[in-house]
Amino acid sequence: MARASEAARVAYEASNQLADRLSELLHEAEASLRARPLGPTWLPEGCEDAPPDIMAKLVAMTAGAGPHPPDPAVDVFWMALCREAGSMQGKVRAGTLGSPRSSSPSGEPGGVEAFADEAGHRWEDLEAALAAGVPSAAPPVAPEQPRIEVYATHLTNDDYILGAQVLAASLLATGTARPLLALVTDGVSTQGRADLRDAGWALVEVSLAGVAGEDTPQAQGFFSKIWLWALPCHKVVYIDTDVLVVASLDPLFELCRGSQLAGAPDSQPHMDDEFVVQTGLLVLEPSPERFSDLWEIISGARRPKKLDDWRQLEQGFLTAYFDNSEDLASAGGGCGVGWQRLPGQYNFCARYCLRPLYDGLAPLTTSMVHYACAKPWDPMQRNFAPPAYTQLYLAFAKAAGIPWRTVDCAADRARERETAAKMRRFMEERGEA
């Protein structure tokens, strides 16, 4: 406990500086977007002069279809970071505690001491619960003892280590005392695991979901998120590794109290009044029984189809399971308890920021920026986010002292190819109907 408290004190002061820098960067991003308003990234030929009402619909429908016009200043900064790769020394590390600030920022009464006490107890409780292994149930809540509540992420290879480091630093900067937990498969290297621990993540080894040889490795990786339900915790806020947290997410633990699953809807089906949970952020209550049920459907005797055949992969599956849709009738049905819909600020996807779900959201009004299919560290994807959001990510990573590196995210490329192939098959089937 003494070691944990001392680590908290050391990290506490650094987090205040990082929080101040994050605030500056958010204001800079707002100013950049005002100076360079966003326009469509792609329009069907002949629609350039459409009336305003039609143009608004076209912009929403085609959001994310193409890259945004580059900003030379952002390109220069990105290349400078690439040149510096390997030479930067870490300035801020979450150590073994995650974030050091909790709800008492900037030296307010009870700040560092209160944080050290809270964080130390939360980590001790988590470590004791994890000693039972997974899957296992969360222990009963004792009087005056906090529930075991964690932030979690998930990695199946080293392509997203940098993202997990930035995610941890952003949780640090936005002031949580809750532990950070990363689910990792055997595809994450020894060095990658060391980097994750240095960033503040406790690691839990899990296996890939699905059936090898029948499901693609990409689908197996996405569906392996169901291991979240195996954790011995009372509440988990899961966040994808390609997310920058810009405002405290701690209120979600109370906002979603009693909900078995909560998340923002995916912005594309949302335009057609269809609600599919976007799994970049999930708030859930783990349960060994729930995990067993999910595992049987995707990897066991009740499996109705290959993982790749689920529309929108794990997003479509989890929506079907919690809504008990007909897609699971042959598997005996889902749980049918439904899921709590969160507003778009809890899964603001930069690439698709012009869609209706995100109306009114900007750097200072969202809680997180999700770089889905627009990862700033992937040279093939970085221009699919508006330059202001890419600059925000790059500058925050630099402020956090995270050594920059570029990665060709092969899994994303494979997913894009598979999505394109599925779309071709869908169009062919529709043409035959």
Protein backbone atom coordinates (compact mmCIF):
# COMPACT_ATOMS: atom_id res chain seq x y z
CA MET A 1 0.00 0.00 0.00
CA ALA A 2 2.87 2.40 0.85
CA ARG A 3 4.52 1.78 -2.54
CA ALA A 4 1.24 2.37 -4.34
CA SER A 5 0.61 5.60 -2.44
CA GLU A 6 4.09 6.93 -3.21
CA ALA A 7 3.68 6.13 -6.90
CA ALA A 8 0.40 8.02 -6.83
CA ARG A 9 2.05 11.08 -5.33
CA VAL A 10 4.79 11.08 -7.97
CA ALA A 11 2.28 10.78 -10.80
CA TYR A 12 -0.12 13.30 -9.28
CA GLU A 13 1.95 16.39 -10.04
CA ALA A 14 2.77 15.22 -13.57
CA SER A 15 -0.91 14.65 -14.30
CA ASN A 16 -1.78 18.25 -13.43
CA GLN A 17 0.66 19.49 -16.04
CA LEU A 18 -0.64 17.02 -18.63
CA ALA A 19 -4.24 18.02 -17.86
CA ASP A 20 -3.39 21.68 -18.39
CA ARG A 21 -1.72 20.88 -21.71
CA LEU A 22 -4.72 18.82 -22.83
CA SER A 23 -6.99 21.79 -22.12
CA GLU A 24 -4.77 24.03 -24.25
CA LEU A 25 -4.78 21.52 -27.10
CA LEU A 26 -8.58 21.23 -27.05
CA HIS A 27 -8.93 25.00 -27.37
CA GLU A 28 -6.39 24.99 -30.22
CA ALA A 29 -8.37 22.27 -32.02
CA GLU A 30 -11.58 24.29 -31.66
CA ALA A 31 -9.86 27.35 -33.12
CA SER A 32 -8.50 25.30 -36.02
CA LEU A 33 -11.95 23.95 -36.86
CA ARG A 34 -13.43 27.45 -36.80
CA ALA A 35 -10.70 28.68 -39.12
CA ARG A 36 -11.10 25.72 -41.49
CA PRO A 37 -14.73 24.54 -41.41
CA LEU A 38 -15.20 20.94 -42.46
CA GLY A 39 -16.71 20.09 -45.81
CA PRO A 40 -17.63 16.81 -47.53
CA THR A 41 -14.80 14.36 -48.10
CA TRP A 42 -16.50 12.88 -51.16
CA LEU A 43 -19.65 13.53 -53.19
CA PRO A 44 -21.27 11.55 -56.01
CA GLU A 45 -20.41 12.98 -59.41
CA GLY A 46 -22.75 15.80 -60.40
CA CYS A 47 -23.86 16.62 -56.84
CA GLU A 48 -21.42 19.44 -56.19
CA ASP A 49 -24.10 22.12 -56.72
CA ALA A 50 -26.97 20.38 -54.92
CA PRO A 51 -29.42 22.59 -52.97
CA PRO A 52 -28.46 23.14 -49.30
CA ASP A 53 -31.00 20.70 -47.86
CA ILE A 54 -29.92 17.96 -50.29
CA MET A 55 -26.25 18.77 -49.73
CA ALA A 56 -26.65 18.38 -45.96
CA LYS A 57 -28.05 14.88 -46.44
CA LEU A 58 -25.30 13.97 -48.92
CA VAL A 59 -22.58 15.18 -46.57
CA ALA A 60 -23.98 13.04 -43.74
CA MET A 61 -24.43 9.98 -45.95
CA THR A 62 -20.91 10.15 -47.40
CA ALA A 63 -19.10 11.20 -44.21
CA GLY A 64 -15.83 9.32 -43.94
CA ALA A 65 -15.92 8.07 -47.53
CA GLY A 66 -12.69 9.85 -48.37
CA PRO A 67 -9.73 11.56 -46.69
CA HIS A 68 -9.96 15.14 -45.50
CA PRO A 69 -7.84 17.75 -47.30
CA PRO A 70 -4.43 17.69 -45.62
CA ASP A 71 -3.14 20.54 -43.49
CA PRO A 72 0.54 21.20 -44.32
CA ALA A 73 1.26 22.21 -40.71
CA VAL A 74 -0.10 18.91 -39.41
CA ASP A 75 1.88 16.99 -42.02
CA VAL A 76 5.08 18.76 -40.95
CA PHE A 77 4.40 17.97 -37.29
CA TRP A 78 3.64 14.32 -38.10
CA MET A 79 6.91 13.96 -40.04
CA ALA A 80 8.83 15.66 -37.23
CA LEU A 81 7.45 13.14 -34.75
CA CYS A 82 8.48 10.32 -37.07
CA ARG A 83 12.03 11.70 -37.20
CA GLU A 84 12.12 11.92 -33.43
CA ALA A 85 10.92 8.33 -33.02
CA GLY A 86 13.20 6.37 -30.77
CA SER A 87 14.87 9.44 -29.29
CA MET A 88 12.07 10.75 -27.07
CA GLN A 89 12.29 9.97 -23.39
CA GLY A 90 9.12 9.36 -21.36
CA LYS A 91 8.05 12.33 -19.28
CA VAL A 92 4.84 10.93 -17.82
CA ARG A 93 4.16 7.36 -16.89
CA ALA A 94 1.06 6.06 -15.21
CA GLY A 95 3.25 3.52 -13.44
CA THR A 96 1.24 0.95 -11.57
CA LEU A 97 -1.61 3.22 -10.66
CA GLY A 98 -3.27 4.56 -13.76
CA SER A 99 -4.28 8.15 -13.10
CA PRO A 100 -3.15 10.15 -10.12
CA ARG A 101 -5.69 12.92 -9.82
CA SER A 102 -9.21 11.71 -9.17
CA SER A 103 -11.71 14.47 -8.46
CA SER A 104 -9.45 16.87 -6.54
CA PRO A 105 -7.41 18.70 -9.21
CA SER A 106 -4.59 21.18 -8.90
CA GLY A 107 -3.78 20.78 -5.25
CA GLU A 108 -7.25 21.29 -3.82
CA PRO A 109 -7.69 20.12 -0.21
CA GLY A 110 -7.36 16.37 0.04
CA GLY A 111 -5.97 16.14 -3.50
CA VAL A 112 -2.85 14.00 -3.56
CA GLU A 113 -3.40 12.29 -0.20
CA ALA A 114 -7.02 11.44 -0.98
CA PHE A 115 -6.05 10.18 -4.39
CA ALA A 116 -3.19 8.06 -3.10
CA ASP A 117 -5.48 6.42 -0.56
CA GLU A 118 -8.33 5.81 -3.03
CA ALA A 119 -6.13 4.56 -5.86
CA GLY A 120 -4.11 2.30 -3.60
CA HIS A 121 -7.20 0.63 -2.18
CA ARG A 122 -8.80 0.23 -5.61
CA TRP A 123 -5.70 -1.48 -7.00
CA GLU A 124 -5.36 -3.76 -3.99
CA ASP A 125 -8.99 -4.83 -4.30
CA LEU A 126 -8.56 -5.55 -8.01
CA GLU A 127 -5.37 -7.54 -7.52
CA ALA A 128 -7.04 -9.65 -4.83
CA ALA A 129 -10.01 -10.33 -7.10
CA LEU A 130 -7.80 -11.23 -10.08
CA ALA A 131 -5.96 -13.79 -7.95
CA ALA A 132 -9.00 -16.04 -8.40
CA GLY A 133 -8.42 -16.04 -12.17
CA VAL A 134 -10.92 -15.47 -14.97
CA PRO A 135 -13.73 -16.11 -15.37
CA SER A 136 -14.71 -15.46 -11.79
CA ALA A 137 -17.32 -13.38 -10.01
CA ALA A 138 -16.70 -10.05 -8.35
CA PRO A 139 -16.52 -10.32 -4.56
CA PRO A 140 -19.42 -9.10 -2.42
CA VAL A 141 -19.26 -5.38 -1.68
CA ALA A 142 -18.35 -4.78 1.94
CA PRO A 143 -19.72 -1.77 3.85
CA GLU A 144 -17.76 1.43 3.16
CA GLN A 145 -15.66 -0.39 0.57
CA PRO A 146 -15.71 0.82 -3.05
CA ARG A 147 -16.96 -1.46 -5.77
CA ILE A 148 -14.31 -2.89 -8.10
CA GLU A 149 -14.61 -0.60 -11.11
CA VAL A 150 -12.01 -0.50 -13.88
CA TYR A 151 -11.20 0.91 -17.27
CA ALA A 152 -10.32 -1.84 -19.73
CA THR A 153 -8.96 -2.17 -23.23
CA HIS A 154 -8.09 -5.12 -25.46
CA LEU A 155 -5.14 -5.98 -27.72
CA THR A 156 -4.41 -8.97 -29.95
CA ASN A 157 -1.12 -7.71 -31.45
CA ASP A 158 1.44 -4.90 -31.21
CA ASP A 159 -0.23 -2.64 -33.80
CA TYR A 160 -2.15 -0.82 -31.07
CA ILE A 161 0.47 -0.53 -28.31
CA LEU A 162 1.01 3.16 -29.07
CA GLY A 163 -2.73 3.73 -28.94
CA ALA A 164 -2.96 2.01 -25.55
CA GLN A 165 -0.15 4.21 -24.24
CA VAL A 166 -1.93 7.37 -25.37
CA LEU A 167 -5.24 6.11 -24.00
CA ALA A 168 -3.67 5.50 -20.58
CA ALA A 169 -2.10 8.96 -20.59
CA SER A 170 -5.42 10.57 -21.49
CA LEU A 171 -7.16 8.75 -18.65
CA LEU A 172 -4.35 10.02 -16.43
CA ALA A 173 -4.89 13.59 -17.63
CA THR A 174 -8.65 13.48 -17.12
CA GLY A 175 -8.35 12.39 -13.53
CA THR A 176 -9.45 8.86 -12.67
CA ALA A 177 -8.32 6.85 -9.66
CA ARG A 178 -9.70 3.64 -11.11
CA PRO A 179 -7.35 0.88 -12.27
CA LEU A 180 -6.50 0.22 -15.92
CA LEU A 181 -6.81 -3.34 -17.19
CA ALA A 182 -5.74 -4.64 -20.61
CA LEU A 183 -6.93 -7.94 -22.06
CA VAL A 184 -4.10 -9.37 -24.17
CA THR A 185 -3.79 -12.45 -26.35
CA ASP A 186 -0.63 -14.34 -27.27
CA GLY A 187 -0.23 -12.06 -30.30
CA VAL A 188 1.10 -9.28 -28.06
CA SER A 189 4.89 -9.49 -27.80
CA THR A 190 7.01 -9.48 -24.65
CA GLN A 191 8.16 -5.93 -25.40
CA GLY A 192 4.58 -4.87 -26.09
CA ARG A 193 3.50 -6.22 -22.72
CA ALA A 194 6.32 -4.34 -21.01
CA ASP A 195 5.27 -1.12 -22.74
CA LEU A 196 1.68 -1.65 -21.60
CA ARG A 197 2.73 -2.19 -18.00
CA ASP A 198 4.92 0.92 -18.12
CA ALA A 199 1.90 2.89 -19.34
CA GLY A 200 -0.12 1.78 -16.31
CA TRP A 201 -2.06 -1.23 -17.59
CA ALA A 202 -2.44 -4.41 -15.57
CA LEU A 203 -2.55 -7.36 -17.99
CA VAL A 204 -5.00 -10.25 -18.18
CA GLU A 205 -4.18 -13.05 -20.62
CA VAL A 206 -7.14 -14.24 -22.70
CA SER A 207 -7.63 -16.50 -25.71
CA LEU A 208 -9.14 -15.67 -29.07
CA ALA A 209 -12.85 -16.28 -29.43
CA GLY A 210 -14.46 -18.24 -32.24
CA VAL A 211 -13.18 -21.23 -34.18
CA ALA A 212 -9.74 -21.17 -35.79
CA GLY A 213 -9.90 -22.08 -39.47
CA GLU A 214 -13.56 -21.08 -39.75
CA ASP A 215 -13.33 -17.48 -38.54
CA THR A 216 -10.79 -14.94 -39.73
CA PRO A 217 -8.20 -13.89 -37.13
CA GLN A 218 -9.60 -10.36 -37.36
CA ALA A 219 -13.11 -11.49 -36.40
CA GLN A 220 -11.71 -13.68 -33.63
CA GLY A 221 -9.95 -10.64 -32.23
CA PHE A 222 -13.01 -8.41 -32.30
CA PHE A 223 -15.21 -11.03 -30.64
CA SER A 224 -12.63 -11.68 -27.93
CA LYS A 225 -14.00 -8.58 -26.21
CA ILE A 226 -16.51 -10.91 -24.59
CA TRP A 227 -13.77 -11.75 -22.08
CA LEU A 228 -14.77 -8.45 -20.46
CA TRP A 229 -17.72 -10.32 -18.97
CA ALA A 230 -15.32 -12.78 -17.33
CA LEU A 231 -13.57 -10.15 -15.20
CA PRO A 232 -14.08 -10.22 -11.40
CA CYS A 233 -15.30 -6.62 -11.37
CA HIS A 234 -18.57 -4.92 -10.52
CA LYS A 235 -18.41 -2.46 -13.43
CA VAL A 236 -16.15 -2.07 -16.47
CA VAL A 237 -15.80 0.85 -18.84
CA TYR A 238 -14.22 -0.65 -21.94
CA ILE A 239 -12.45 1.70 -24.39
CA ASP A 240 -10.83 0.86 -27.74
CA THR A 241 -7.12 1.60 -28.01
CA ASP A 242 -7.65 4.19 -30.76
CA VAL A 243 -9.39 6.61 -28.39
CA LEU A 244 -8.24 9.87 -26.82
CA VAL A 245 -10.20 10.67 -23.66
CA VAL A 246 -10.67 14.44 -23.34
CA ALA A 247 -13.07 14.70 -20.37
CA SER A 248 -13.56 12.51 -17.32
CA LEU A 249 -15.47 9.32 -18.01
CA ASP A 250 -15.83 8.49 -14.31
CA PRO A 251 -19.49 9.67 -14.27
CA LEU A 252 -20.33 6.68 -16.49
CA PHE A 253 -19.88 4.29 -13.59
CA GLU A 254 -22.83 5.89 -11.82
CA LEU A 255 -24.79 6.94 -14.92
CA CYS A 256 -24.94 3.31 -16.05
CA ARG A 257 -25.51 1.77 -12.61
CA GLY A 258 -27.90 -1.15 -13.05
CA SER A 259 -27.44 -1.41 -16.83
CA GLN A 260 -26.09 -4.73 -18.10
CA LEU A 261 -24.70 -2.96 -21.17
CA ALA A 262 -24.48 0.67 -22.24
CA GLY A 263 -22.93 2.37 -25.25
CA ALA A 264 -23.50 4.95 -27.93
CA PRO A 265 -25.13 3.78 -31.17
CA ASP A 266 -23.11 3.35 -34.34
CA SER A 267 -23.49 6.52 -36.38
CA GLN A 268 -24.17 4.86 -39.75
CA PRO A 269 -27.25 2.70 -38.95
CA HIS A 270 -28.38 5.53 -36.65
CA MET A 271 -29.09 7.61 -39.78
CA ASP A 272 -31.77 5.04 -40.67
CA ASP A 273 -33.19 4.99 -37.11
CA GLU A 274 -31.51 1.64 -36.49
CA PHE A 275 -29.66 1.23 -33.22
CA VAL A 276 -26.52 -0.91 -33.18
CA VAL A 277 -24.14 -0.52 -30.25
CA GLN A 278 -20.76 0.95 -31.22
CA THR A 279 -18.25 -1.11 -29.28
CA GLY A 280 -15.50 1.52 -29.12
CA LEU A 281 -16.85 2.31 -25.65
CA LEU A 282 -18.93 -0.09 -23.59
CA VAL A 283 -20.10 0.10 -19.99
CA LEU A 284 -20.95 -3.35 -18.67
CA GLU A 285 -21.47 -5.48 -15.59
CA PRO A 286 -19.36 -8.66 -15.78
CA SER A 287 -20.81 -12.02 -14.82
CA PRO A 288 -19.36 -15.54 -15.20
CA GLU A 289 -22.81 -16.75 -16.24
CA ARG A 290 -23.13 -14.05 -18.90
CA PHE A 291 -19.63 -14.83 -20.17
CA SER A 292 -20.44 -18.55 -20.40
CA ASP A 293 -23.61 -17.82 -22.36
CA LEU A 294 -21.79 -15.53 -24.80
CA TRP A 295 -18.95 -18.01 -25.25
CA GLU A 296 -21.32 -20.88 -26.03
CA ILE A 297 -22.95 -18.84 -28.80
CA ILE A 298 -19.79 -17.65 -30.52
CA SER A 299 -17.39 -20.51 -29.80
CA GLY A 300 -19.42 -23.45 -28.54
CA ALA A 301 -22.32 -25.78 -29.23
CA ARG A 302 -24.92 -23.02 -29.75
CA ARG A 303 -22.92 -21.23 -32.44
CA PRO A 304 -25.40 -20.25 -35.21
CA LYS A 305 -22.89 -19.03 -37.82
CA LYS A 306 -19.34 -17.95 -38.45
CA LEU A 307 -18.20 -14.80 -36.70
CA ASP A 308 -17.49 -13.09 -40.02
CA ASP A 309 -21.12 -13.58 -41.06
CA TRP A 310 -22.41 -11.29 -38.33
CA ARG A 311 -23.34 -7.92 -39.77
CA GLN A 312 -20.94 -5.38 -38.24
CA LEU A 313 -19.18 -8.25 -36.51
CA GLU A 314 -19.18 -8.05 -32.69
CA GLN A 315 -21.30 -4.88 -32.77
CA GLY A 316 -24.11 -6.67 -34.56
CA PHE A 317 -23.76 -9.74 -32.36
CA LEU A 318 -23.88 -7.89 -29.04
CA THR A 319 -26.85 -5.83 -30.19
CA ALA A 320 -28.67 -9.01 -31.24
CA TYR A 321 -27.80 -10.73 -27.96
CA PHE A 322 -28.95 -7.96 -25.64
CA ASP A 323 -32.02 -7.17 -27.77
CA ASN A 324 -32.77 -10.90 -28.24
CA SER A 325 -33.24 -10.51 -31.97
CA GLU A 326 -34.36 -13.25 -34.36
CA ASP A 327 -30.75 -13.66 -35.51
CA LEU A 328 -30.20 -15.74 -32.37
CA ALA A 329 -33.38 -17.82 -32.50
CA SER A 330 -31.50 -20.93 -33.65
CA ALA A 331 -29.05 -20.47 -30.76
CA GLY A 332 -31.76 -20.38 -28.14
CA GLY A 333 -31.99 -16.59 -28.07
CA GLY A 334 -30.07 -13.84 -26.37
CA CYS A 335 -30.54 -12.42 -22.91
CA GLY A 336 -33.07 -9.79 -24.01
CA VAL A 337 -32.35 -7.31 -21.20
CA GLY A 338 -31.68 -4.51 -23.70
CA TRP A 339 -28.91 -1.93 -23.59
CA GLN A 340 -28.70 1.66 -22.44
CA ARG A 341 -28.12 4.17 -25.22
CA LEU A 342 -25.52 6.81 -24.46
CA PRO A 343 -25.22 10.13 -26.32
CA GLY A 344 -22.70 10.57 -29.13
CA GLN A 345 -20.22 12.39 -26.89
CA TYR A 346 -19.33 8.99 -25.43
CA ASN A 347 -18.16 7.63 -28.77
CA PHE A 348 -17.38 10.58 -31.02
CA CYS A 349 -15.79 9.10 -34.16
CA ALA A 350 -13.60 11.73 -35.80
CA ARG A 351 -13.76 10.18 -39.27
CA TYR A 352 -17.57 10.30 -39.26
CA CYS A 353 -17.96 13.57 -37.34
CA LEU A 354 -20.34 15.04 -39.96
CA ARG A 355 -23.03 12.44 -39.27
CA PRO A 356 -26.21 13.50 -37.40
CA LEU A 357 -25.36 11.56 -34.23
CA TYR A 358 -22.52 14.00 -33.62
CA ASP A 359 -24.35 17.27 -34.29
CA GLY A 360 -23.04 19.95 -31.96
CA LEU A 361 -20.01 17.97 -30.84
CA ALA A 362 -16.51 19.40 -31.04
CA PRO A 363 -13.25 19.04 -29.10
CA LEU A 364 -14.57 21.02 -26.12
CA THR A 365 -18.02 19.41 -26.03
CA THR A 366 -17.20 15.72 -26.47
CA SER A 367 -15.85 13.37 -23.81
CA MET A 368 -13.66 11.29 -26.10
CA VAL A 369 -12.38 11.22 -29.66
CA HIS A 370 -12.47 7.82 -31.34
CA TYR A 371 -10.04 7.44 -34.26
CA ALA A 372 -11.84 4.43 -35.75
CA CYS A 373 -10.46 3.73 -39.24
CA ALA A 374 -8.44 6.95 -38.88
CA LYS A 375 -5.54 5.99 -36.63
CA PRO A 376 -2.99 8.82 -36.44
CA TRP A 377 -0.07 6.37 -36.25
CA ASP A 378 -1.05 4.55 -39.47
CA PRO A 379 0.21 6.37 -42.60
CA MET A 380 -2.67 4.91 -44.63
CA GLN A 381 -5.38 6.14 -42.24
CA ARG A 382 -4.23 9.37 -40.65
CA ASN A 383 -5.86 11.73 -43.18
CA PHE A 384 -9.30 10.20 -42.70
CA ALA A 385 -9.73 12.28 -39.54
CA PRO A 386 -10.00 16.07 -39.87
CA PRO A 387 -6.50 17.58 -39.47
CA ALA A 388 -7.49 19.37 -36.26
CA TYR A 389 -8.23 16.03 -34.58
CA THR A 390 -5.06 14.42 -35.90
CA GLN A 391 -3.04 17.37 -34.60
CA LEU A 392 -4.77 17.05 -31.22
CA TYR A 393 -3.70 13.42 -30.94
CA LEU A 394 -0.13 14.00 -32.11
CA ALA A 395 0.41 16.96 -29.79
CA PHE A 396 -1.04 15.12 -26.80
CA ALA A 397 1.19 12.09 -27.42
CA LYS A 398 4.20 14.40 -27.54
CA ALA A 399 3.13 16.20 -24.35
CA ALA A 400 2.77 12.83 -22.60
CA GLY A 401 6.32 11.90 -23.60
CA ILE A 402 5.24 8.84 -25.57
CA PRO A 403 7.84 7.86 -28.20
CA TRP A 404 6.14 8.13 -31.58
CA ARG A 405 6.19 5.37 -34.16
CA THR A 406 4.25 4.53 -37.29
CA VAL A 407 2.49 1.21 -37.74
CA ASP A 408 0.76 -0.27 -40.76
CA CYS A 409 -2.32 -1.69 -39.04
CA ALA A 410 -2.63 -4.91 -41.04
CA ALA A 411 -5.71 -6.04 -39.12
CA ASP A 412 -7.55 -2.87 -40.10
CA ARG A 413 -6.55 -3.34 -43.71
CA ALA A 414 -7.83 -6.91 -43.64
CA ARG A 415 -11.09 -5.74 -42.08
CA GLU A 416 -11.52 -3.11 -44.79
CA ARG A 417 -10.97 -5.74 -47.49
CA GLU A 418 -13.43 -8.11 -45.85
CA THR A 419 -16.00 -5.33 -45.46
CA ALA A 420 -15.63 -4.44 -49.13
CA ALA A 421 -16.06 -8.10 -50.12
CA LYS A 422 -19.17 -8.44 -47.94
CA MET A 423 -20.61 -5.30 -49.52
CA ARG A 424 -19.99 -6.71 -53.00
CA ARG A 425 -21.75 -9.94 -52.04
CA PHE A 426 -24.64 -7.98 -50.56
CA MET A 427 -25.03 -5.92 -53.72
CA GLU A 428 -24.90 -9.04 -55.87
CA GLU A 429 -27.56 -10.75 -53.76
CA ARG A 430 -29.76 -7.68 -53.86
CA GLY A 431 -29.43 -7.55 -57.63
CA GLU A 432 -30.52 -11.18 -57.91
CA ALA A 433 -33.51 -10.71 -55.61
